[in-house]
C-alpha atoms as a PDB file:
ATOM      1  CA  MET A   1     -22.719   0.397 -25.809  1.00  0.00           C
ATOM      2  CA  ILE A   2     -21.895  -1.624 -22.656  1.00  0.00           C
ATOM      3  CA  ASP A   3     -23.962  -4.947 -22.734  1.00  0.00           C
ATOM      4  CA  THR A   4     -25.522  -6.284 -19.857  1.00  0.00           C
ATOM      5  CA  GLN A   5     -22.841  -8.903 -19.530  1.00  0.00           C
ATOM      6  CA  THR A   6     -19.913  -6.686 -19.409  1.00  0.00           C
ATOM      7  CA  GLN A   7     -21.815  -4.469 -16.768  1.00  0.00           C
ATOM      8  CA  LYS A   8     -21.861  -7.626 -14.229  1.00  0.00           C
ATOM      9  CA  LYS A   9     -18.221  -8.254 -15.063  1.00  0.00           C
ATOM     10  CA  ILE A  10     -17.447  -4.522 -14.133  1.00  0.00           C
ATOM     11  CA  GLN A  11     -19.386  -4.982 -10.700  1.00  0.00           C
ATOM     12  CA  LYS A  12     -17.976  -8.235 -10.183  1.00  0.00           C
ATOM     13  CA  GLN A  13     -14.323  -6.584 -10.441  1.00  0.00           C
ATOM     14  CA  VAL A  14     -15.760  -3.461  -8.117  1.00  0.00           C
ATOM     15  CA  LYS A  15     -16.420  -5.578  -5.576  1.00  0.00           C
ATOM     16  CA  ILE A  16     -13.118  -7.336  -5.441  1.00  0.00           C
ATOM     17  CA  VAL A  17     -11.512  -3.797  -5.451  1.00  0.00           C
ATOM     18  CA  GLY A  18     -13.913  -2.553  -2.739  1.00  0.00           C
ATOM     19  CA  PHE A  19     -13.238  -5.892  -0.444  1.00  0.00           C
ATOM     20  CA  THR A  20      -9.137  -5.681  -1.289  1.00  0.00           C
ATOM     21  CA  TYR A  21      -8.833  -1.927  -0.382  1.00  0.00           C
ATOM     22  CA  LEU A  22     -11.007  -2.378   2.912  1.00  0.00           C
ATOM     23  CA  VAL A  23      -9.043  -5.304   4.017  1.00  0.00           C
ATOM     24  CA  THR A  24      -5.542  -4.010   2.971  1.00  0.00           C
ATOM     25  CA  THR A  25      -6.285  -0.930   5.108  1.00  0.00           C
ATOM     26  CA  LEU A  26      -7.384  -2.750   7.935  1.00  0.00           C
ATOM     27  CA  ILE A  27      -4.625  -4.722   7.989  1.00  0.00           C
ATOM     28  CA  GLY A  28      -1.976  -1.930   7.420  1.00  0.00           C
ATOM     29  CA  SER A  29      -3.548  -0.214  10.171  1.00  0.00           C
ATOM     30  CA  ILE A  30      -3.315  -3.025  12.651  1.00  0.00           C
ATOM     31  CA  ASN A  31       0.006  -3.667  11.468  1.00  0.00           C
ATOM     32  CA  ILE A  32       1.495  -0.052  11.763  1.00  0.00           C
ATOM     33  CA  PHE A  33      -0.100   0.963  15.169  1.00  0.00           C
ATOM     34  CA  PHE A  34      -0.614  -2.199  17.191  1.00  0.00           C
ATOM     35  CA  VAL A  35       1.706  -5.297  15.999  1.00  0.00           C
ATOM     36  CA  LYS A  36       4.805  -3.126  14.560  1.00  0.00           C
ATOM     37  CA  ALA A  37       4.526  -0.568  16.867  1.00  0.00           C
ATOM     38  CA  GLY A  38       7.713  -0.369  18.980  1.00  0.00           C
ATOM     39  CA  ILE A  39       9.727  -3.432  18.163  1.00  0.00           C
ATOM     40  CA  HIS A  40      11.810  -1.873  15.426  1.00  0.00           C
ATOM     41  CA  LYS A  41      14.768  -1.817  17.724  1.00  0.00           C
ATOM     42  CA  PRO A  42      17.703  -4.534  17.753  1.00  0.00           C
ATOM     43  CA  ASP A  43      17.776  -4.447  21.489  1.00  0.00           C
ATOM     44  CA  ILE A  44      14.334  -5.727  22.224  1.00  0.00           C
ATOM     45  CA  LEU A  45      13.784  -7.653  18.661  1.00  0.00           C
ATOM     46  CA  LEU A  46      14.621 -11.276  19.779  1.00  0.00           C
ATOM     47  CA  GLU A  47      12.272 -10.686  22.845  1.00  0.00           C
ATOM     48  CA  SER A  48       9.326  -9.673  20.537  1.00  0.00           C
ATOM     49  CA  GLU A  49      10.101 -12.100  17.801  1.00  0.00           C
ATOM     50  CA  PHE A  50       6.587 -14.132  17.781  1.00  0.00           C
ATOM     51  CA  GLN A  51       5.093 -10.536  17.315  1.00  0.00           C
ATOM     52  CA  PHE A  52       8.069  -9.176  14.837  1.00  0.00           C
ATOM     53  CA  ARG A  53       7.025 -12.652  12.351  1.00  0.00           C
ATOM     54  CA  MET A  54       3.053 -12.035  12.934  1.00  0.00           C
ATOM     55  CA  SER A  55       3.913  -8.398  11.370  1.00  0.00           C
ATOM     56  CA  ILE A  56       5.821 -10.317   8.561  1.00  0.00           C
ATOM     57  CA  LEU A  57       3.019 -12.367   7.775  1.00  0.00           C
ATOM     58  CA  LEU A  58       0.678  -9.818   7.573  1.00  0.00           C
ATOM     59  CA  ASP A  59       2.668  -7.444   5.270  1.00  0.00           C
ATOM     60  CA  ILE A  60       3.180 -10.661   3.104  1.00  0.00           C
ATOM     61  CA  THR A  61      -0.898 -10.909   3.182  1.00  0.00           C
ATOM     62  CA  MET A  62      -1.575  -7.125   2.217  1.00  0.00           C
ATOM     63  CA  TYR A  63       0.830  -7.191  -0.514  1.00  0.00           C
ATOM     64  CA  ALA A  64      -0.758 -10.259  -1.883  1.00  0.00           C
ATOM     65  CA  LEU A  65      -4.237  -8.552  -1.726  1.00  0.00           C
ATOM     66  CA  VAL A  66      -2.647  -5.724  -3.464  1.00  0.00           C
ATOM     67  CA  MET A  67      -1.835  -7.472  -6.181  1.00  0.00           C
ATOM     68  CA  TRP A  68      -5.161  -8.845  -6.468  1.00  0.00           C
ATOM     69  CA  MET A  69      -6.496  -5.172  -6.309  1.00  0.00           C
ATOM     70  CA  ALA A  70      -4.513  -4.040  -8.924  1.00  0.00           C
ATOM     71  CA  VAL A  71      -5.557  -6.754 -11.355  1.00  0.00           C
ATOM     72  CA  ALA A  72      -9.142  -6.086 -10.557  1.00  0.00           C
ATOM     73  CA  LEU A  73      -8.284  -1.924 -11.187  1.00  0.00           C
ATOM     74  CA  TYR A  74      -7.057  -2.690 -14.322  1.00  0.00           C
ATOM     75  CA  ILE A  75      -9.942  -4.928 -15.509  1.00  0.00           C
ATOM     76  CA  LEU A  76     -12.201  -2.562 -13.954  1.00  0.00           C
ATOM     77  CA  THR A  77     -10.746   0.839 -16.141  1.00  0.00           C
ATOM     78  CA  LYS A  78      -9.068  -0.798 -19.307  1.00  0.00           C
ATOM     79  CA  SER A  79     -12.420   0.097 -21.181  1.00  0.00           C
ATOM     80  CA  ILE A  80     -12.339   3.649 -20.060  1.00  0.00           C
ATOM     81  CA  ASN A  81      -8.718   4.021 -21.312  1.00  0.00           C
ATOM     82  CA  LYS A  82      -6.737   0.847 -21.590  1.00  0.00           C
ATOM     83  CA  ASN A  83      -3.180   2.802 -21.949  1.00  0.00           C
ATOM     84  CA  LYS A  84      -3.861   4.523 -18.897  1.00  0.00           C
ATOM     85  CA  ALA A  85      -5.351   1.671 -17.001  1.00  0.00           C
ATOM     86  CA  LEU A  86      -1.752  -0.232 -18.069  1.00  0.00           C
ATOM     87  CA  LEU A  87       0.368   2.497 -16.672  1.00  0.00           C
ATOM     88  CA  GLY A  88      -1.705   2.307 -13.307  1.00  0.00           C
ATOM     89  CA  PHE A  89      -1.500  -1.293 -13.314  1.00  0.00           C
ATOM     90  CA  VAL A  90       2.506  -1.247 -13.735  1.00  0.00           C
ATOM     91  CA  PHE A  91       2.848   1.517 -10.906  1.00  0.00           C
ATOM     92  CA  ARG A  92       0.576  -0.502  -8.299  1.00  0.00           C
ATOM     93  CA  ALA A  93       2.440  -3.698  -9.582  1.00  0.00           C
ATOM     94  CA  ALA A  94       5.722  -2.222  -8.823  1.00  0.00           C
ATOM     95  CA  GLU A  95       4.283  -1.471  -5.521  1.00  0.00           C
ATOM     96  CA  VAL A  96       3.789  -4.875  -4.653  1.00  0.00           C
ATOM     97  CA  VAL A  97       7.319  -5.395  -5.923  1.00  0.00           C
ATOM     98  CA  MET A  98       8.865  -3.036  -3.688  1.00  0.00           C
ATOM     99  CA  GLY A  99       6.606  -4.066  -0.902  1.00  0.00           C
ATOM    100  CA  PHE A 100       7.741  -7.699  -1.056  1.00  0.00           C
ATOM    101  CA  VAL A 101      11.732  -6.505  -1.267  1.00  0.00           C
ATOM    102  CA  MET A 102      10.602  -4.340   1.669  1.00  0.00           C
ATOM    103  CA  VAL A 103       9.605  -7.647   3.256  1.00  0.00           C
ATOM    104  CA  LEU A 104      13.196  -9.291   2.921  1.00  0.00           C
ATOM    105  CA  LEU A 105      14.805  -5.923   4.469  1.00  0.00           C
ATOM    106  CA  TYR A 106      12.666  -6.053   7.148  1.00  0.00           C
ATOM    107  CA  THR A 107      13.229  -9.542   8.131  1.00  0.00           C
ATOM    108  CA  SER A 108      17.030  -9.134   7.639  1.00  0.00           C
ATOM    109  CA  PRO A 109      17.544  -7.669  11.385  1.00  0.00           C
ATOM    110  CA  LEU A 110      15.707 -10.838  12.797  1.00  0.00           C
ATOM    111  CA  ILE A 111      18.084 -13.092  10.887  1.00  0.00           C
ATOM    112  CA  ILE A 112      21.589 -11.066  11.744  1.00  0.00           C
ATOM    113  CA  LEU A 113      20.205 -11.197  15.595  1.00  0.00           C
ATOM    114  CA  SER A 114      19.009 -14.652  15.787  1.00  0.00           C
ATOM    115  CA  LYS A 115      21.840 -16.111  14.029  1.00  0.00           C
ATOM    116  CA  ALA A 116      24.592 -14.142  15.921  1.00  0.00           C
ATOM    117  CA  GLU A 117      26.512 -17.188  16.831  1.00  0.00           C
ATOM    118  CA  SER A 118      27.087 -17.631  13.265  1.00  0.00           C
ATOM    119  CA  TYR A 119      28.792 -14.796  12.210  1.00  0.00           C
ATOM    120  CA  GLN A 120      32.232 -13.238  13.057  1.00  0.00           C
ATOM    121  CA  PHE A 121      30.646 -10.185  14.464  1.00  0.00           C
ATOM    122  CA  ASN A 122      30.932  -8.860  18.222  1.00  0.00           C
ATOM    123  CA  ASN A 123      27.402  -7.778  19.505  1.00  0.00           C
ATOM    124  CA  ASP A 124      27.473  -3.998  18.729  1.00  0.00           C
ATOM    125  CA  THR A 125      28.534  -4.487  15.292  1.00  0.00           C
ATOM    126  CA  LEU A 126      25.524  -6.917  14.749  1.00  0.00           C
ATOM    127  CA  HIS A 127      23.106  -4.803  16.636  1.00  0.00           C
ATOM    128  CA  SER A 128      24.722  -1.932  14.146  1.00  0.00           C
ATOM    129  CA  LEU A 129      24.022  -3.675  11.019  1.00  0.00           C
ATOM    130  CA  ALA A 130      20.211  -4.743  12.099  1.00  0.00           C
ATOM    131  CA  GLU A 131      19.487  -0.945  12.602  1.00  0.00           C
ATOM    132  CA  VAL A 132      21.261  -0.302   8.907  1.00  0.00           C
ATOM    133  CA  PHE A 133      18.719  -2.673   7.636  1.00  0.00           C
ATOM    134  CA  PHE A 134      15.716  -0.722   9.300  1.00  0.00           C
ATOM    135  CA  ASP A 135      16.919   2.690   7.978  1.00  0.00           C
ATOM    136  CA  ILE A 136      17.005   0.931   4.674  1.00  0.00           C
ATOM    137  CA  TYR A 137      13.603  -0.066   5.143  1.00  0.00           C
ATOM    138  CA  ARG A 138      12.449   3.158   6.283  1.00  0.00           C
ATOM    139  CA  MET A 139      13.503   4.482   3.198  1.00  0.00           C
ATOM    140  CA  GLY A 140      12.059   1.695   1.077  1.00  0.00           C
ATOM    141  CA  SER A 141       8.394   2.772   2.802  1.00  0.00           C
ATOM    142  CA  ASN A 142       8.749   6.142   1.345  1.00  0.00           C
ATOM    143  CA  LEU A 143       9.465   4.963  -2.258  1.00  0.00           C
ATOM    144  CA  HIS A 144       6.879   2.532  -1.961  1.00  0.00           C
ATOM    145  CA  LEU A 145       3.996   5.019  -1.133  1.00  0.00           C
ATOM    146  CA  ILE A 146       5.400   6.982  -3.922  1.00  0.00           C
ATOM    147  CA  LEU A 147       4.558   4.370  -6.483  1.00  0.00           C
ATOM    148  CA  MET A 148       1.462   3.382  -4.692  1.00  0.00           C
ATOM    149  CA  SER A 149       0.325   7.170  -4.903  1.00  0.00           C
ATOM    150  CA  VAL A 150       0.858   7.396  -8.490  1.00  0.00           C
ATOM    151  CA  GLY A 151      -0.814   4.067  -9.322  1.00  0.00           C
ATOM    152  CA  ALA A 152      -3.942   4.842  -7.215  1.00  0.00           C
ATOM    153  CA  PHE A 153      -3.901   8.579  -8.492  1.00  0.00           C
ATOM    154  CA  ILE A 154      -4.450   7.198 -12.079  1.00  0.00           C
ATOM    155  CA  PHE A 155      -7.131   4.489 -11.118  1.00  0.00           C
ATOM    156  CA  ILE A 156      -8.943   7.110  -9.316  1.00  0.00           C
ATOM    157  CA  LYS A 157      -8.648   9.681 -12.243  1.00  0.00           C
ATOM    158  CA  LEU A 158     -10.256   6.906 -14.768  1.00  0.00           C
ATOM    159  CA  LEU A 159     -13.123   6.497 -12.089  1.00  0.00           C
ATOM    160  CA  LYS A 160     -13.934   9.749 -12.159  1.00  0.00           C
ATOM    161  CA  CYS A 161     -13.593  10.345 -16.008  1.00  0.00           C
ATOM    162  CA  ALA A 162     -16.103   7.606 -16.513  1.00  0.00           C
ATOM    163  CA  SER A 163     -18.475   8.972 -13.717  1.00  0.00           C
ATOM    164  CA  TYR A 164     -18.155   5.579 -11.973  1.00  0.00           C
ATOM    165  CA  ILE A 165     -18.025   7.066  -8.436  1.00  0.00           C
ATOM    166  CA  PRO A 166     -19.275  10.422  -6.881  1.00  0.00           C
ATOM    167  CA  LYS A 167     -17.411  13.625  -7.592  1.00  0.00           C
ATOM    168  CA  TRP A 168     -16.843  13.978  -3.982  1.00  0.00           C
ATOM    169  CA  LEU A 169     -15.395  10.516  -3.656  1.00  0.00           C
ATOM    170  CA  SER A 170     -13.195  10.864  -6.644  1.00  0.00           C
ATOM    171  CA  TYR A 171     -11.847  14.776  -5.597  1.00  0.00           C
ATOM    172  CA  TRP A 172     -11.340  13.343  -2.208  1.00  0.00           C
ATOM    173  CA  GLY A 173      -9.182  10.486  -3.632  1.00  0.00           C
ATOM    174  CA  LEU A 174      -7.128  12.522  -6.056  1.00  0.00           C
ATOM    175  CA  PHE A 175      -6.448  14.963  -3.294  1.00  0.00           C
ATOM    176  CA  THR A 176      -5.499  12.382  -0.763  1.00  0.00           C
ATOM    177  CA  TYR A 177      -3.044  10.667  -3.315  1.00  0.00           C
ATOM    178  CA  ALA A 178      -1.436  14.012  -4.332  1.00  0.00           C
ATOM    179  CA  THR A 179      -0.809  14.568  -0.863  1.00  0.00           C
ATOM    180  CA  VAL A 180       0.798  11.245  -0.268  1.00  0.00           C
ATOM    181  CA  PHE A 181       3.128  11.619  -3.397  1.00  0.00           C
ATOM    182  CA  ILE A 182       3.957  14.995  -2.072  1.00  0.00           C
ATOM    183  CA  GLY A 183       4.432  14.133   1.544  1.00  0.00           C
ATOM    184  CA  PHE A 184       6.705  11.174   0.937  1.00  0.00           C
ATOM    185  CA  ILE A 185       8.482  13.031  -1.966  1.00  0.00           C
ATOM    186  CA  LEU A 186       9.430  15.824   0.855  1.00  0.00           C
ATOM    187  CA  GLN A 187      10.333  13.009   3.292  1.00  0.00           C
ATOM    188  CA  ILE A 188      13.137  11.933   1.017  1.00  0.00           C
ATOM    189  CA  LEU A 189      14.280  15.410   0.689  1.00  0.00           C
ATOM    190  CA  PHE A 190      14.060  16.530   4.105  1.00  0.00           C
ATOM    191  CA  PRO A 191      14.170  13.271   6.394  1.00  0.00           C
ATOM    192  CA  GLU A 192      14.753  15.391   9.545  1.00  0.00           C
ATOM    193  CA  THR A 193      10.666  16.144   8.953  1.00  0.00           C
ATOM    194  CA  SER A 194       9.699  12.573   8.499  1.00  0.00           C
ATOM    195  CA  LYS A 195       7.419  12.382  11.634  1.00  0.00           C
ATOM    196  CA  GLN A 196       5.802  15.439  11.157  1.00  0.00           C
ATOM    197  CA  LEU A 197       5.234  14.468   7.422  1.00  0.00           C
ATOM    198  CA  MET A 198       3.253  11.034   8.542  1.00  0.00           C
ATOM    199  CA  VAL A 199       0.102  13.049   9.380  1.00  0.00           C
ATOM    200  CA  VAL A 200      -0.485  12.740   5.277  1.00  0.00           C
ATOM    201  CA  MET A 201      -1.367   8.941   6.013  1.00  0.00           C
ATOM    202  CA  VAL A 202      -4.171   9.700   8.235  1.00  0.00           C
ATOM    203  CA  PRO A 203      -6.936  11.197   5.700  1.00  0.00           C
ATOM    204  CA  GLY A 204      -5.199   8.675   3.155  1.00  0.00           C
ATOM    205  CA  ALA A 205      -6.066   5.674   5.491  1.00  0.00           C
ATOM    206  CA  PHE A 206      -9.620   6.999   6.200  1.00  0.00           C
ATOM    207  CA  PHE A 207     -10.349   7.404   2.185  1.00  0.00           C
ATOM    208  CA  GLU A 208      -9.397   3.924   1.932  1.00  0.00           C
ATOM    209  CA  LEU A 209     -11.248   2.600   4.167  1.00  0.00           C
ATOM    210  CA  ILE A 210     -14.572   4.887   3.108  1.00  0.00           C
ATOM    211  CA  PHE A 211     -13.551   4.109  -0.794  1.00  0.00           C
ATOM    212  CA  GLY A 212     -13.797   0.202   0.063  1.00  0.00           C
ATOM    213  CA  ILE A 213     -16.762   0.555   1.757  1.00  0.00           C
ATOM    214  CA  TRP A 214     -18.567   2.309  -0.898  1.00  0.00           C
ATOM    215  CA  LEU A 215     -17.424  -0.147  -3.820  1.00  0.00           C
ATOM    216  CA  LEU A 216     -18.640  -3.100  -1.684  1.00  0.00           C
ATOM    217  CA  THR A 217     -21.957  -1.663  -0.742  1.00  0.00           C
ATOM    218  CA  LYS A 218     -23.025   1.002  -3.654  1.00  0.00           C
ATOM    219  CA  GLY A 219     -21.000  -0.347  -6.598  1.00  0.00           C
ATOM    220  CA  VAL A 220     -20.467   1.906  -9.664  1.00  0.00           C
ATOM    221  CA  ARG A 221     -22.606   3.806 -11.634  1.00  0.00           C
ATOM    222  CA  ILE A 222     -22.198   2.629 -15.252  1.00  0.00           C
ATOM    223  CA  ASN A 223     -23.233   4.697 -18.245  1.00  0.00           C
ATOM    224  CA  LYS A 224     -24.386   2.514 -20.884  1.00  0.00           C
ATOM    225  CA  ASP A 225     -23.035   4.862 -23.430  1.00  0.00           C
ATOM    226  CA  PHE A 226     -19.423   5.197 -22.078  1.00  0.00           C
END
């Protein structure tokens, strides 16, 4: 039996999850399609330094919000199955750690190129080194999204088991994160198809936007006898 006080705590965490899902999706979309677009090139990086630094700040903000989301999701679902909720939290926390590592890798080309006079390398070597860090960052993005998809899949599955969200929304979420997982596994195995496989991110972003709005406006349906 879930008492009234516990129900209030659950709905509070639901609002946090909805808010963080919505905001991180918006931040991520704006960053990828508008701020980061076209600046991952050593030749023009210094010309777009402020824009590049803004993208770094947006990434840091997004990963901080994902950490808040992971905690809220754990609190929300631990009464359903504590072990699975903990597993989901571990994957989403690992996603955050990987995200901050990626921010460091992403910042490295700017450090290398902005302090070129401090290093004993010629200009071509510095540009090549910057490109290496961008390539490592792209591989890190694949690993980061695999961790995200596993953690998110677990949490959506728990919400479905408790009937907290409608079946159509839970099945959409499960399909979304399974697709993202498979898509980015394939990107690691077949890197030449990376551009084509990026299409899996479109329905994922749309789901997260709808999911965040749903939780903020509708909350979850709590079975008092669960």
